[in-house]
Amino acid sequence: MNLFQRFLARIRPLPKRLEPEAVPVLIKEIRLAKLTYCGAPKLENLAEACTRITRDSAPDEYLEAGVALGGVGHLIGQAQTPACKPLFI
């Protein structure tokens, strides 16, 4: 089973827009699925930054560099409004 298949098997489908109260659940699922080396505090800070960037309509793009297991990219993709900014991995 490749990484993408493992990811799909472990992470439940999420709504198109991640509500703030769902962020801790998503972080827990990403960590339980072992899709990141980051601890929960770093993931919480990242989710807050993505939410703030989206809310403030910053005219930039997301870049996930050093992708290892894909969990951070999933978190970034879910923490922003759908299709509002490109995410390059």
C-alpha atoms as a PDB file:
ATOM      1  CA  MET A   1       0.000   0.000   0.000  1.00  0.00           C
ATOM      2  CA  ASN A   2       1.564   3.303  -1.049  1.00  0.00           C
ATOM      3  CA  LEU A   3       1.490   6.475   1.039  1.00  0.00           C
ATOM      4  CA  PHE A   4      -1.512   7.963  -0.755  1.00  0.00           C
ATOM      5  CA  GLN A   5      -3.562   4.783  -0.284  1.00  0.00           C
ATOM      6  CA  ARG A   6      -2.569   4.677   3.386  1.00  0.00           C
ATOM      7  CA  PHE A   7      -3.584   8.306   3.733  1.00  0.00           C
ATOM      8  CA  LEU A   8      -7.005   7.693   2.164  1.00  0.00           C
ATOM      9  CA  ALA A   9      -7.583   4.644   4.329  1.00  0.00           C
ATOM     10  CA  ARG A  10      -6.799   6.452   7.589  1.00  0.00           C
ATOM     11  CA  ILE A  11      -8.285   9.930   7.120  1.00  0.00           C
ATOM     12  CA  ARG A  12     -12.038  10.291   6.912  1.00  0.00           C
ATOM     13  CA  PRO A  13     -13.508  12.593   4.245  1.00  0.00           C
ATOM     14  CA  LEU A  14     -13.692  16.150   5.510  1.00  0.00           C
ATOM     15  CA  PRO A  15     -15.981  19.022   4.610  1.00  0.00           C
ATOM     16  CA  LYS A  16     -14.864  21.467   1.929  1.00  0.00           C
ATOM     17  CA  ARG A  17     -14.188  24.036   4.665  1.00  0.00           C
ATOM     18  CA  LEU A  18     -12.668  22.978   7.960  1.00  0.00           C
ATOM     19  CA  GLU A  19     -14.464  24.609  10.868  1.00  0.00           C
ATOM     20  CA  PRO A  20     -12.240  25.798  13.743  1.00  0.00           C
ATOM     21  CA  GLU A  21     -13.675  23.259  16.190  1.00  0.00           C
ATOM     22  CA  ALA A  22     -12.694  20.423  13.797  1.00  0.00           C
ATOM     23  CA  VAL A  23      -8.986  21.361  13.733  1.00  0.00           C
ATOM     24  CA  PRO A  24      -8.047  19.409  16.906  1.00  0.00           C
ATOM     25  CA  VAL A  25      -9.829  16.331  15.531  1.00  0.00           C
ATOM     26  CA  LEU A  26      -7.980  16.587  12.220  1.00  0.00           C
ATOM     27  CA  ILE A  27      -4.638  17.045  14.001  1.00  0.00           C
ATOM     28  CA  LYS A  28      -5.334  13.998  16.161  1.00  0.00           C
ATOM     29  CA  GLU A  29      -6.239  11.909  13.091  1.00  0.00           C
ATOM     30  CA  ILE A  30      -3.121  13.020  11.213  1.00  0.00           C
ATOM     31  CA  ARG A  31      -0.931  12.103  14.181  1.00  0.00           C
ATOM     32  CA  LEU A  32      -2.683   8.769  14.797  1.00  0.00           C
ATOM     33  CA  ALA A  33      -2.252   7.871  11.120  1.00  0.00           C
ATOM     34  CA  LYS A  34       1.467   8.717  11.498  1.00  0.00           C
ATOM     35  CA  LEU A  35       1.333  11.137   8.577  1.00  0.00           C
ATOM     36  CA  THR A  36       3.628  13.733  10.165  1.00  0.00           C
ATOM     37  CA  TYR A  37       6.734  14.060  12.280  1.00  0.00           C
ATOM     38  CA  CYS A  38       5.409  17.332  13.761  1.00  0.00           C
ATOM     39  CA  GLY A  39       3.992  17.500  17.251  1.00  0.00           C
ATOM     40  CA  ALA A  40       0.474  18.725  17.981  1.00  0.00           C
ATOM     41  CA  PRO A  41       1.600  22.246  19.064  1.00  0.00           C
ATOM     42  CA  LYS A  42       3.363  22.850  15.730  1.00  0.00           C
ATOM     43  CA  LEU A  43       0.338  21.603  13.803  1.00  0.00           C
ATOM     44  CA  GLU A  44      -1.957  23.848  15.860  1.00  0.00           C
ATOM     45  CA  ASN A  45       0.253  26.870  15.098  1.00  0.00           C
ATOM     46  CA  LEU A  46       0.259  25.989  11.403  1.00  0.00           C
ATOM     47  CA  ALA A  47      -3.539  25.627  11.310  1.00  0.00           C
ATOM     48  CA  GLU A  48      -3.935  28.998  13.048  1.00  0.00           C
ATOM     49  CA  ALA A  49      -1.547  30.650  10.570  1.00  0.00           C
ATOM     50  CA  CYS A  50      -3.441  29.188   7.595  1.00  0.00           C
ATOM     51  CA  THR A  51      -6.752  30.332   9.041  1.00  0.00           C
ATOM     52  CA  ARG A  52      -5.375  33.846   9.623  1.00  0.00           C
ATOM     53  CA  ILE A  53      -3.906  34.061   6.115  1.00  0.00           C
ATOM     54  CA  THR A  54      -7.228  32.973   4.597  1.00  0.00           C
ATOM     55  CA  ARG A  55      -9.231  35.336   6.795  1.00  0.00           C
ATOM     56  CA  ASP A  56      -6.991  38.294   5.949  1.00  0.00           C
ATOM     57  CA  SER A  57      -7.079  37.454   2.220  1.00  0.00           C
ATOM     58  CA  ALA A  58      -3.295  37.573   1.867  1.00  0.00           C
ATOM     59  CA  PRO A  59      -2.471  37.480  -1.883  1.00  0.00           C
ATOM     60  CA  ASP A  60       0.067  34.672  -1.641  1.00  0.00           C
ATOM     61  CA  GLU A  61       0.356  30.936  -2.262  1.00  0.00           C
ATOM     62  CA  TYR A  62       1.171  28.044   0.058  1.00  0.00           C
ATOM     63  CA  LEU A  63       4.377  26.068  -0.384  1.00  0.00           C
ATOM     64  CA  GLU A  64       4.996  22.882   1.576  1.00  0.00           C
ATOM     65  CA  ALA A  65       8.716  22.158   1.298  1.00  0.00           C
ATOM     66  CA  GLY A  66      10.333  19.072   2.718  1.00  0.00           C
ATOM     67  CA  VAL A  67       7.237  16.904   2.483  1.00  0.00           C
ATOM     68  CA  ALA A  68       7.826  13.633   4.311  1.00  0.00           C
ATOM     69  CA  LEU A  69       4.545  11.887   5.084  1.00  0.00           C
ATOM     70  CA  GLY A  70       1.951  14.340   3.742  1.00  0.00           C
ATOM     71  CA  GLY A  71       0.095  15.233   6.922  1.00  0.00           C
ATOM     72  CA  VAL A  72       1.096  18.892   6.963  1.00  0.00           C
ATOM     73  CA  GLY A  73       0.024  19.328   3.344  1.00  0.00           C
ATOM     74  CA  HIS A  74      -3.345  17.820   4.207  1.00  0.00           C
ATOM     75  CA  LEU A  75      -3.699  20.167   7.174  1.00  0.00           C
ATOM     76  CA  ILE A  76      -2.840  23.219   5.045  1.00  0.00           C
ATOM     77  CA  GLY A  77      -5.283  22.148   2.366  1.00  0.00           C
ATOM     78  CA  GLN A  78      -8.090  21.726   4.891  1.00  0.00           C
ATOM     79  CA  ALA A  79      -7.347  24.830   6.981  1.00  0.00           C
ATOM     80  CA  GLN A  80      -7.939  27.240   4.107  1.00  0.00           C
ATOM     81  CA  THR A  81     -11.083  28.035   2.161  1.00  0.00           C
ATOM     82  CA  PRO A  82     -11.288  25.643  -0.809  1.00  0.00           C
ATOM     83  CA  ALA A  83      -9.510  26.809  -3.938  1.00  0.00           C
ATOM     84  CA  CYS A  84      -8.674  30.175  -2.415  1.00  0.00           C
ATOM     85  CA  LYS A  85      -4.911  29.760  -2.760  1.00  0.00           C
ATOM     86  CA  PRO A  86      -2.733  27.284  -4.638  1.00  0.00           C
ATOM     87  CA  LEU A  87      -0.878  24.722  -2.514  1.00  0.00           C
ATOM     88  CA  PHE A  88       2.410  23.549  -3.988  1.00  0.00           C
ATOM     89  CA  ILE A  89       3.897  20.400  -2.514  1.00  0.00           C
END
